[in-house]
Amino acid sequence: MTLVTKVLLGVFAIIPAYDRFFKDIFSEIAGEECGFSTPNETSLNIIAQFYQENKEEIDTLSKSHQILDFDGKPTNYRYSKAKIIDMYGFQIGRDKVSED
């Protein structure tokens, strides 16, 4: 499932990649409610709730980070909210593994 969600994130930027770090952190956030093994209604609702609870910060990050082209020059494109949430899950998950 990781590959499918990575492709959806990379091509359409509509869903975070359900990689190891993301799944670990969002499973922790969800508690007993969801294990984030597959994108389903429960996991997507938890991500939506996370977005609503952090909307202001996620929107600010999305608006303030431009995507660079292959020459390293800024484009008119911004990171999607799904990408910002993905980056959060990945970074916090990776940091947690580093601490252990």
PDB file of N, CA and C in Angstrom:
ATOM      1  N   MET A   1       0.818  -1.194   0.000  1.00  0.00           N
ATOM      2  CA  MET A   1       0.000   0.000   0.000  1.00  0.00           C
ATOM      3  C   MET A   1       0.863   1.260   0.000  1.00  0.00           C
ATOM      4  N   THR A   2       2.073   1.156   0.525  1.00  0.00           N
ATOM      5  CA  THR A   2       2.943   2.331   0.558  1.00  0.00           C
ATOM      6  C   THR A   2       3.179   2.869  -0.847  1.00  0.00           C
ATOM      7  N   LEU A   3       3.458   1.979  -1.802  1.00  0.00           N
ATOM      8  CA  LEU A   3       3.733   2.419  -3.170  1.00  0.00           C
ATOM      9  C   LEU A   3       2.537   3.153  -3.773  1.00  0.00           C
ATOM     10  N   VAL A   4       1.350   2.618  -3.582  1.00  0.00           N
ATOM     11  CA  VAL A   4       0.144   3.245  -4.137  1.00  0.00           C
ATOM     12  C   VAL A   4      -0.026   4.657  -3.585  1.00  0.00           C
ATOM     13  N   THR A   5       0.109   4.806  -2.270  1.00  0.00           N
ATOM     14  CA  THR A   5      -0.090   6.134  -1.684  1.00  0.00           C
ATOM     15  C   THR A   5       1.050   7.076  -2.047  1.00  0.00           C
ATOM     16  N   LYS A   6       2.261   6.551  -2.234  1.00  0.00           N
ATOM     17  CA  LYS A   6       3.369   7.410  -2.669  1.00  0.00           C
ATOM     18  C   LYS A   6       3.113   7.931  -4.086  1.00  0.00           C
ATOM     19  N   VAL A   7       2.584   7.077  -4.949  1.00  0.00           N
ATOM     20  CA  VAL A   7       2.254   7.506  -6.312  1.00  0.00           C
ATOM     21  C   VAL A   7       1.136   8.548  -6.276  1.00  0.00           C
ATOM     22  N   LEU A   8       0.099   8.307  -5.479  1.00  0.00           N
ATOM     23  CA  LEU A   8      -0.995   9.283  -5.372  1.00  0.00           C
ATOM     24  C   LEU A   8      -0.491  10.621  -4.844  1.00  0.00           C
ATOM     25  N   LEU A   9       0.427  10.580  -3.884  1.00  0.00           N
ATOM     26  CA  LEU A   9       1.000  11.823  -3.359  1.00  0.00           C
ATOM     27  C   LEU A   9       1.863  12.495  -4.420  1.00  0.00           C
ATOM     28  N   GLY A  10       2.729  11.721  -5.070  1.00  0.00           N
ATOM     29  CA  GLY A  10       3.656  12.294  -6.040  1.00  0.00           C
ATOM     30  C   GLY A  10       2.985  12.842  -7.284  1.00  0.00           C
ATOM     31  N   VAL A  11       1.978  12.149  -7.768  1.00  0.00           N
ATOM     32  CA  VAL A  11       1.331  12.553  -9.015  1.00  0.00           C
ATOM     33  C   VAL A  11       0.207  13.564  -8.778  1.00  0.00           C
ATOM     34  N   PHE A  12      -0.641  13.284  -7.808  1.00  0.00           N
ATOM     35  CA  PHE A  12      -1.830  14.118  -7.603  1.00  0.00           C
ATOM     36  C   PHE A  12      -1.787  14.969  -6.337  1.00  0.00           C
ATOM     37  N   ALA A  13      -0.896  14.645  -5.407  1.00  0.00           N
ATOM     38  CA  ALA A  13      -0.757  15.368  -4.127  1.00  0.00           C
ATOM     39  C   ALA A  13      -2.078  15.421  -3.365  1.00  0.00           C
ATOM     40  N   ILE A  14      -2.778  14.267  -3.332  1.00  0.00           N
ATOM     41  CA  ILE A  14      -4.105  14.253  -2.712  1.00  0.00           C
ATOM     42  C   ILE A  14      -4.189  13.435  -1.432  1.00  0.00           C
ATOM     43  N   ILE A  15      -3.131  12.682  -1.117  1.00  0.00           N
ATOM     44  CA  ILE A  15      -3.160  11.827   0.072  1.00  0.00           C
ATOM     45  C   ILE A  15      -1.728  11.663   0.568  1.00  0.00           C
ATOM     46  N   PRO A  16      -1.521  11.667   1.877  1.00  0.00           N
ATOM     47  CA  PRO A  16      -0.168  11.406   2.376  1.00  0.00           C
ATOM     48  C   PRO A  16       0.268   9.985   2.015  1.00  0.00           C
ATOM     49  N   ALA A  17       1.561   9.778   1.890  1.00  0.00           N
ATOM     50  CA  ALA A  17       2.089   8.438   1.646  1.00  0.00           C
ATOM     51  C   ALA A  17       2.031   7.651   2.948  1.00  0.00           C
ATOM     52  N   TYR A  18       1.414   6.505   2.913  1.00  0.00           N
ATOM     53  CA  TYR A  18       1.284   5.674   4.115  1.00  0.00           C
ATOM     54  C   TYR A  18       2.570   4.866   4.295  1.00  0.00           C
ATOM     55  N   ASP A  19       3.683   5.558   4.494  1.00  0.00           N
ATOM     56  CA  ASP A  19       4.948   4.866   4.729  1.00  0.00           C
ATOM     57  C   ASP A  19       5.088   4.541   6.213  1.00  0.00           C
ATOM     58  N   ARG A  20       6.170   3.883   6.555  1.00  0.00           N
ATOM     59  CA  ARG A  20       6.369   3.402   7.926  1.00  0.00           C
ATOM     60  C   ARG A  20       6.263   4.520   8.949  1.00  0.00           C
ATOM     61  N   PHE A  21       6.962   5.619   8.709  1.00  0.00           N
ATOM     62  CA  PHE A  21       6.978   6.710   9.685  1.00  0.00           C
ATOM     63  C   PHE A  21       5.603   7.354   9.823  1.00  0.00           C
ATOM     64  N   PHE A  22       4.955   7.614   8.690  1.00  0.00           N
ATOM     65  CA  PHE A  22       3.621   8.221   8.714  1.00  0.00           C
ATOM     66  C   PHE A  22       2.637   7.318   9.455  1.00  0.00           C
ATOM     67  N   LYS A  23       2.641   6.022   9.113  1.00  0.00           N
ATOM     68  CA  LYS A  23       1.717   5.086   9.756  1.00  0.00           C
ATOM     69  C   LYS A  23       1.952   5.008  11.257  1.00  0.00           C
ATOM     70  N   ASP A  24       3.214   4.989  11.665  1.00  0.00           N
ATOM     71  CA  ASP A  24       3.518   4.911  13.099  1.00  0.00           C
ATOM     72  C   ASP A  24       2.954   6.115  13.850  1.00  0.00           C
ATOM     73  N   ILE A  25       3.206   7.309  13.340  1.00  0.00           N
ATOM     74  CA  ILE A  25       2.769   8.523  14.032  1.00  0.00           C
ATOM     75  C   ILE A  25       1.253   8.676  13.998  1.00  0.00           C
ATOM     76  N   PHE A  26       0.645   8.458  12.844  1.00  0.00           N
ATOM     77  CA  PHE A  26      -0.801   8.645  12.776  1.00  0.00           C
ATOM     78  C   PHE A  26      -1.567   7.514  13.462  1.00  0.00           C
ATOM     79  N   SER A  27      -0.981   6.335  13.566  1.00  0.00           N
ATOM     80  CA  SER A  27      -1.585   5.277  14.382  1.00  0.00           C
ATOM     81  C   SER A  27      -1.566   5.689  15.842  1.00  0.00           C
ATOM     82  N   GLU A  28      -0.486   6.340  16.240  1.00  0.00           N
ATOM     83  CA  GLU A  28      -0.375   6.844  17.612  1.00  0.00           C
ATOM     84  C   GLU A  28      -1.415   7.945  17.868  1.00  0.00           C
ATOM     85  N   ILE A  29      -1.566   8.844  16.913  1.00  0.00           N
ATOM     86  CA  ILE A  29      -2.558   9.921  17.029  1.00  0.00           C
ATOM     87  C   ILE A  29      -3.968   9.332  17.114  1.00  0.00           C
ATOM     88  N   ALA A  30      -4.235   8.307  16.300  1.00  0.00           N
ATOM     89  CA  ALA A  30      -5.569   7.708  16.229  1.00  0.00           C
ATOM     90  C   ALA A  30      -5.876   6.795  17.407  1.00  0.00           C
ATOM     91  N   GLY A  31      -4.855   6.328  18.087  1.00  0.00           N
ATOM     92  CA  GLY A  31      -5.075   5.395  19.188  1.00  0.00           C
ATOM     93  C   GLY A  31      -5.630   4.081  18.677  1.00  0.00           C
ATOM     94  N   GLU A  32      -6.625   3.572  19.350  1.00  0.00           N
ATOM     95  CA  GLU A  32      -7.235   2.282  18.990  1.00  0.00           C
ATOM     96  C   GLU A  32      -8.116   2.383  17.740  1.00  0.00           C
ATOM     97  N   GLU A  33      -8.380   3.593  17.305  1.00  0.00           N
ATOM     98  CA  GLU A  33      -9.357   3.817  16.232  1.00  0.00           C
ATOM     99  C   GLU A  33      -8.894   3.313  14.865  1.00  0.00           C
ATOM    100  N   CYS A  34      -7.572   3.371  14.590  1.00  0.00           N
ATOM    101  CA  CYS A  34      -7.095   3.034  13.249  1.00  0.00           C
ATOM    102  C   CYS A  34      -5.608   2.711  13.276  1.00  0.00           C
ATOM    103  N   GLY A  35      -5.208   1.713  12.471  1.00  0.00           N
ATOM    104  CA  GLY A  35      -3.802   1.345  12.379  1.00  0.00           C
ATOM    105  C   GLY A  35      -3.109   1.905  11.149  1.00  0.00           C
ATOM    106  N   PHE A  36      -3.849   2.582  10.282  1.00  0.00           N
ATOM    107  CA  PHE A  36      -3.299   3.194   9.072  1.00  0.00           C
ATOM    108  C   PHE A  36      -2.577   2.189   8.173  1.00  0.00           C
ATOM    109  N   SER A  37      -3.142   0.983   8.052  1.00  0.00           N
ATOM    110  CA  SER A  37      -2.543   0.008   7.147  1.00  0.00           C
ATOM    111  C   SER A  37      -2.995   0.232   5.707  1.00  0.00           C
ATOM    112  N   THR A  38      -4.187   0.779   5.532  1.00  0.00           N
ATOM    113  CA  THR A  38      -4.685   1.106   4.190  1.00  0.00           C
ATOM    114  C   THR A  38      -5.483   2.406   4.245  1.00  0.00           C
ATOM    115  N   PRO A  39      -5.522   3.129   3.132  1.00  0.00           N
ATOM    116  CA  PRO A  39      -6.374   4.315   3.090  1.00  0.00           C
ATOM    117  C   PRO A  39      -7.836   3.851   3.063  1.00  0.00           C
ATOM    118  N   ASN A  40      -8.563   4.187   4.074  1.00  0.00           N
ATOM    119  CA  ASN A  40      -9.977   3.843   4.126  1.00  0.00           C
ATOM    120  C   ASN A  40     -10.716   5.015   4.765  1.00  0.00           C
ATOM    121  N   GLU A  41     -12.002   4.880   4.898  1.00  0.00           N
ATOM    122  CA  GLU A  41     -12.797   5.991   5.421  1.00  0.00           C
ATOM    123  C   GLU A  41     -12.320   6.425   6.809  1.00  0.00           C
ATOM    124  N   THR A  42     -12.000   5.463   7.659  1.00  0.00           N
ATOM    125  CA  THR A  42     -11.561   5.793   9.018  1.00  0.00           C
ATOM    126  C   THR A  42     -10.255   6.573   9.002  1.00  0.00           C
ATOM    127  N   SER A  43      -9.263   6.066   8.264  1.00  0.00           N
ATOM    128  CA  SER A  43      -7.966   6.752   8.251  1.00  0.00           C
ATOM    129  C   SER A  43      -8.070   8.133   7.609  1.00  0.00           C
ATOM    130  N   LEU A  44      -8.859   8.244   6.555  1.00  0.00           N
ATOM    131  CA  LEU A  44      -9.014   9.548   5.905  1.00  0.00           C
ATOM    132  C   LEU A  44      -9.753  10.539   6.800  1.00  0.00           C
ATOM    133  N   ASN A  45     -10.711  10.055   7.578  1.00  0.00           N
ATOM    134  CA  ASN A  45     -11.404  10.932   8.526  1.00  0.00           C
ATOM    135  C   ASN A  45     -10.465  11.414   9.625  1.00  0.00           C
ATOM    136  N   ILE A  46      -9.556  10.561  10.057  1.00  0.00           N
ATOM    137  CA  ILE A  46      -8.587  10.963  11.079  1.00  0.00           C
ATOM    138  C   ILE A  46      -7.638  12.017  10.518  1.00  0.00           C
ATOM    139  N   ILE A  47      -7.207  11.831   9.272  1.00  0.00           N
ATOM    140  CA  ILE A  47      -6.354  12.837   8.630  1.00  0.00           C
ATOM    141  C   ILE A  47      -7.126  14.152   8.486  1.00  0.00           C
ATOM    142  N   ALA A  48      -8.387  14.069   8.095  1.00  0.00           N
ATOM    143  CA  ALA A  48      -9.213  15.282   7.964  1.00  0.00           C
ATOM    144  C   ALA A  48      -9.366  15.984   9.307  1.00  0.00           C
ATOM    145  N   GLN A  49      -9.560  15.215  10.363  1.00  0.00           N
ATOM    146  CA  GLN A  49      -9.673  15.799  11.701  1.00  0.00           C
ATOM    147  C   GLN A  49      -8.349  16.455  12.111  1.00  0.00           C
ATOM    148  N   PHE A  50      -7.235  15.783  11.813  1.00  0.00           N
ATOM    149  CA  PHE A  50      -5.916  16.346  12.106  1.00  0.00           C
ATOM    150  C   PHE A  50      -5.747  17.674  11.368  1.00  0.00           C
ATOM    151  N   TYR A  51      -6.166  17.695  10.102  1.00  0.00           N
ATOM    152  CA  TYR A  51      -6.086  18.931   9.322  1.00  0.00           C
ATOM    153  C   TYR A  51      -6.926  20.032   9.970  1.00  0.00           C
ATOM    154  N   GLN A  52      -8.168  19.718  10.328  1.00  0.00           N
ATOM    155  CA  GLN A  52      -9.046  20.729  10.932  1.00  0.00           C
ATOM    156  C   GLN A  52      -8.459  21.283  12.228  1.00  0.00           C
ATOM    157  N   GLU A  53      -7.839  20.413  13.015  1.00  0.00           N
ATOM    158  CA  GLU A  53      -7.253  20.844  14.287  1.00  0.00           C
ATOM    159  C   GLU A  53      -5.989  21.679  14.091  1.00  0.00           C
ATOM    160  N   ASN A  54      -5.352  21.550  12.923  1.00  0.00           N
ATOM    161  CA  ASN A  54      -4.092  22.250  12.648  1.00  0.00           C
ATOM    162  C   ASN A  54      -4.179  23.091  11.382  1.00  0.00           C
ATOM    163  N   LYS A  55      -5.404  23.430  10.995  1.00  0.00           N
ATOM    164  CA  LYS A  55      -5.688  24.101   9.722  1.00  0.00           C
ATOM    165  C   LYS A  55      -4.865  25.365   9.507  1.00  0.00           C
ATOM    166  N   GLU A  56      -4.830  26.219  10.487  1.00  0.00           N
ATOM    167  CA  GLU A  56      -4.141  27.501  10.321  1.00  0.00           C
ATOM    168  C   GLU A  56      -2.657  27.293   9.998  1.00  0.00           C
ATOM    169  N   GLU A  57      -2.006  26.433  10.753  1.00  0.00           N
ATOM    170  CA  GLU A  57      -0.579  26.199  10.529  1.00  0.00           C
ATOM    171  C   GLU A  57      -0.322  25.473   9.209  1.00  0.00           C
ATOM    172  N   ILE A  58      -1.133  24.465   8.895  1.00  0.00           N
ATOM    173  CA  ILE A  58      -0.959  23.726   7.641  1.00  0.00           C
ATOM    174  C   ILE A  58      -1.195  24.643   6.451  1.00  0.00           C
ATOM    175  N   ASP A  59      -2.236  25.459   6.495  1.00  0.00           N
ATOM    176  CA  ASP A  59      -2.516  26.394   5.398  1.00  0.00           C
ATOM    177  C   ASP A  59      -1.384  27.400   5.228  1.00  0.00           C
ATOM    178  N   THR A  60      -0.856  27.898   6.336  1.00  0.00           N
ATOM    179  CA  THR A  60       0.260  28.848   6.273  1.00  0.00           C
ATOM    180  C   THR A  60       1.481  28.198   5.637  1.00  0.00           C
ATOM    181  N   LEU A  61       1.802  26.979   6.060  1.00  0.00           N
ATOM    182  CA  LEU A  61       2.950  26.274   5.480  1.00  0.00           C
ATOM    183  C   LEU A  61       2.731  26.000   3.999  1.00  0.00           C
ATOM    184  N   SER A  62       1.520  25.602   3.641  1.00  0.00           N
ATOM    185  CA  SER A  62       1.209  25.314   2.247  1.00  0.00           C
ATOM    186  C   SER A  62       1.370  26.560   1.372  1.00  0.00           C
ATOM    187  N   LYS A  63       0.910  27.688   1.863  1.00  0.00           N
ATOM    188  CA  LYS A  63       0.991  28.935   1.093  1.00  0.00           C
ATOM    189  C   LYS A  63       2.404  29.507   1.031  1.00  0.00           C
ATOM    190  N   SER A  64       3.224  29.195   2.016  1.00  0.00           N
ATOM    191  CA  SER A  64       4.538  29.844   2.101  1.00  0.00           C
ATOM    192  C   SER A  64       5.684  29.021   1.515  1.00  0.00           C
ATOM    193  N   HIS A  65       5.422  27.791   1.095  1.00  0.00           N
ATOM    194  CA  HIS A  65       6.493  26.952   0.552  1.00  0.00           C
ATOM    195  C   HIS A  65       6.264  26.685  -0.931  1.00  0.00           C
ATOM    196  N   GLN A  66       7.118  27.274  -1.746  1.00  0.00           N
ATOM    197  CA  GLN A  66       7.024  27.083  -3.186  1.00  0.00           C
ATOM    198  C   GLN A  66       7.767  25.815  -3.599  1.00  0.00           C
ATOM    199  N   ILE A  67       7.275  25.186  -4.646  1.00  0.00           N
ATOM    200  CA  ILE A  67       7.960  24.044  -5.240  1.00  0.00           C
ATOM    201  C   ILE A  67       9.018  24.592  -6.184  1.00  0.00           C
ATOM    202  N   LEU A  68      10.205  23.998  -6.138  1.00  0.00           N
ATOM    203  CA  LEU A  68      11.305  24.434  -6.993  1.00  0.00           C
ATOM    204  C   LEU A  68      11.318  23.621  -8.280  1.00  0.00           C
ATOM    205  N   ASP A  69      11.785  24.248  -9.364  1.00  0.00           N
ATOM    206  CA  ASP A  69      11.929  23.509 -10.609  1.00  0.00           C
ATOM    207  C   ASP A  69      13.268  22.767 -10.589  1.00  0.00           C
ATOM    208  N   PHE A  70      13.613  22.114 -11.694  1.00  0.00           N
ATOM    209  CA  PHE A  70      14.831  21.302 -11.737  1.00  0.00           C
ATOM    210  C   PHE A  70      16.104  22.132 -11.663  1.00  0.00           C
ATOM    211  N   ASP A  71      15.991  23.418 -11.903  1.00  0.00           N
ATOM    212  CA  ASP A  71      17.144  24.317 -11.779  1.00  0.00           C
ATOM    213  C   ASP A  71      17.222  24.948 -10.396  1.00  0.00           C
ATOM    214  N   GLY A  72      16.306  24.580  -9.523  1.00  0.00           N
ATOM    215  CA  GLY A  72      16.293  25.135  -8.172  1.00  0.00           C
ATOM    216  C   GLY A  72      15.603  26.480  -8.069  1.00  0.00           C
ATOM    217  N   LYS A  73      14.910  26.870  -9.122  1.00  0.00           N
ATOM    218  CA  LYS A  73      14.197  28.150  -9.109  1.00  0.00           C
ATOM    219  C   LYS A  73      12.758  27.947  -8.639  1.00  0.00           C
ATOM    220  N   PRO A  74      12.235  28.902  -7.861  1.00  0.00           N
ATOM    221  CA  PRO A  74      10.853  28.783  -7.384  1.00  0.00           C
ATOM    222  C   PRO A  74       9.852  28.802  -8.538  1.00  0.00           C
ATOM    223  N   THR A  75       8.798  28.013  -8.397  1.00  0.00           N
ATOM    224  CA  THR A  75       7.704  28.007  -9.370  1.00  0.00           C
ATOM    225  C   THR A  75       6.490  28.690  -8.729  1.00  0.00           C
ATOM    226  N   ASN A  76       5.406  28.736  -9.445  1.00  0.00           N
ATOM    227  CA  ASN A  76       4.164  29.285  -8.895  1.00  0.00           C
ATOM    228  C   ASN A  76       3.372  28.239  -8.115  1.00  0.00           C
ATOM    229  N   TYR A  77       3.896  27.016  -8.062  1.00  0.00           N
ATOM    230  CA  TYR A  77       3.203  25.931  -7.371  1.00  0.00           C
ATOM    231  C   TYR A  77       3.578  25.904  -5.898  1.00  0.00           C
ATOM    232  N   ARG A  78       2.620  25.494  -5.074  1.00  0.00           N
ATOM    233  CA  ARG A  78       2.827  25.388  -3.624  1.00  0.00           C
ATOM    234  C   ARG A  78       2.634  23.933  -3.208  1.00  0.00           C
ATOM    235  N   TYR A  79       3.190  23.595  -2.051  1.00  0.00           N
ATOM    236  CA  TYR A  79       2.950  22.257  -1.514  1.00  0.00           C
ATOM    237  C   TYR A  79       1.475  22.117  -1.152  1.00  0.00           C
ATOM    238  N   SER A  80       0.911  20.961  -1.482  1.00  0.00           N
ATOM    239  CA  SER A  80      -0.489  20.710  -1.123  1.00  0.00           C
ATOM    240  C   SER A  80      -0.593  20.463   0.379  1.00  0.00           C
ATOM    241  N   LYS A  81      -1.785  20.572   0.872  1.00  0.00           N
ATOM    242  CA  LYS A  81      -2.014  20.298   2.293  1.00  0.00           C
ATOM    243  C   LYS A  81      -1.703  18.838   2.613  1.00  0.00           C
ATOM    244  N   ALA A  82      -1.998  17.937   1.666  1.00  0.00           N
ATOM    245  CA  ALA A  82      -1.664  16.519   1.860  1.00  0.00           C
ATOM    246  C   ALA A  82      -0.158  16.335   1.980  1.00  0.00           C
ATOM    247  N   LYS A  83       0.612  17.074   1.193  1.00  0.00           N
ATOM    248  CA  LYS A  83       2.071  16.978   1.263  1.00  0.00           C
ATOM    249  C   LYS A  83       2.580  17.512   2.596  1.00  0.00           C
ATOM    250  N   ILE A  84       2.015  18.600   3.082  1.00  0.00           N
ATOM    251  CA  ILE A  84       2.425  19.151   4.383  1.00  0.00           C
ATOM    252  C   ILE A  84       2.141  18.131   5.482  1.00  0.00           C
ATOM    253  N   ILE A  85       0.976  17.504   5.456  1.00  0.00           N
ATOM    254  CA  ILE A  85       0.636  16.486   6.455  1.00  0.00           C
ATOM    255  C   ILE A  85       1.566  15.285   6.315  1.00  0.00           C
ATOM    256  N   ASP A  86       1.865  14.891   5.093  1.00  0.00           N
ATOM    257  CA  ASP A  86       2.806  13.797   4.847  1.00  0.00           C
ATOM    258  C   ASP A  86       4.180  14.125   5.430  1.00  0.00           C
ATOM    259  N   MET A  87       4.655  15.328   5.193  1.00  0.00           N
ATOM    260  CA  MET A  87       5.965  15.741   5.703  1.00  0.00           C
ATOM    261  C   MET A  87       5.979  15.738   7.227  1.00  0.00           C
ATOM    262  N   TYR A  88       4.892  16.154   7.846  1.00  0.00           N
ATOM    263  CA  TYR A  88       4.786  16.127   9.306  1.00  0.00           C
ATOM    264  C   TYR A  88       4.909  14.688   9.808  1.00  0.00           C
ATOM    265  N   GLY A  89       4.089  13.798   9.247  1.00  0.00           N
ATOM    266  CA  GLY A  89       4.112  12.404   9.683  1.00  0.00           C
ATOM    267  C   GLY A  89       5.464  11.760   9.479  1.00  0.00           C
ATOM    268  N   PHE A  90       6.082  12.026   8.332  1.00  0.00           N
ATOM    269  CA  PHE A  90       7.392  11.447   8.041  1.00  0.00           C
ATOM    270  C   PHE A  90       8.445  11.970   9.012  1.00  0.00           C
ATOM    271  N   GLN A  91       8.507  13.284   9.180  1.00  0.00           N
ATOM    272  CA  GLN A  91       9.559  13.881  10.009  1.00  0.00           C
ATOM    273  C   GLN A  91       9.418  13.502  11.480  1.00  0.00           C
ATOM    274  N   ILE A  92       8.218  13.597  12.022  1.00  0.00           N
ATOM    275  CA  ILE A  92       8.007  13.242  13.428  1.00  0.00           C
ATOM    276  C   ILE A  92       8.292  11.755  13.631  1.00  0.00           C
ATOM    277  N   GLY A  93       7.852  10.921  12.695  1.00  0.00           N
ATOM    278  CA  GLY A  93       8.116   9.481  12.782  1.00  0.00           C
ATOM    279  C   GLY A  93       9.595   9.165  12.711  1.00  0.00           C
ATOM    280  N   ARG A  94      10.296   9.809  11.809  1.00  0.00           N
ATOM    281  CA  ARG A  94      11.741   9.587  11.680  1.00  0.00           C
ATOM    282  C   ARG A  94      12.473  10.067  12.921  1.00  0.00           C
ATOM    283  N   ASP A  95      12.090  11.225  13.431  1.00  0.00           N
ATOM    284  CA  ASP A  95      12.720  11.743  14.653  1.00  0.00           C
ATOM    285  C   ASP A  95      12.505  10.791  15.826  1.00  0.00           C
ATOM    286  N   LYS A  96      11.320  10.226  15.901  1.00  0.00           N
ATOM    287  CA  LYS A  96      11.013   9.313  17.005  1.00  0.00           C
ATOM    288  C   LYS A  96      11.883   8.059  16.931  1.00  0.00           C
ATOM    289  N   VAL A  97      12.080   7.526  15.735  1.00  0.00           N
ATOM    290  CA  VAL A  97      12.930   6.346  15.559  1.00  0.00           C
ATOM    291  C   VAL A  97      14.373   6.680  15.922  1.00  0.00           C
ATOM    292  N   SER A  98      14.830   7.872  15.564  1.00  0.00           N
ATOM    293  CA  SER A  98      16.202   8.300  15.873  1.00  0.00           C
ATOM    294  C   SER A  98      16.438   8.392  17.372  1.00  0.00           C
ATOM    295  N   GLU A  99      15.399   8.761  18.118  1.00  0.00           N
ATOM    296  CA  GLU A  99      15.522   8.901  19.571  1.00  0.00           C
ATOM    297  C   GLU A  99      15.635   7.550  20.259  1.00  0.00           C
ATOM    298  N   ASP A 100      15.037   6.513  19.657  1.00  0.00           N
ATOM    299  CA  ASP A 100      15.025   5.181  20.286  1.00  0.00           C
ATOM    300  C   ASP A 100      16.337   4.465  20.183  1.00  0.00           C
TER     301      ASP A 100
END
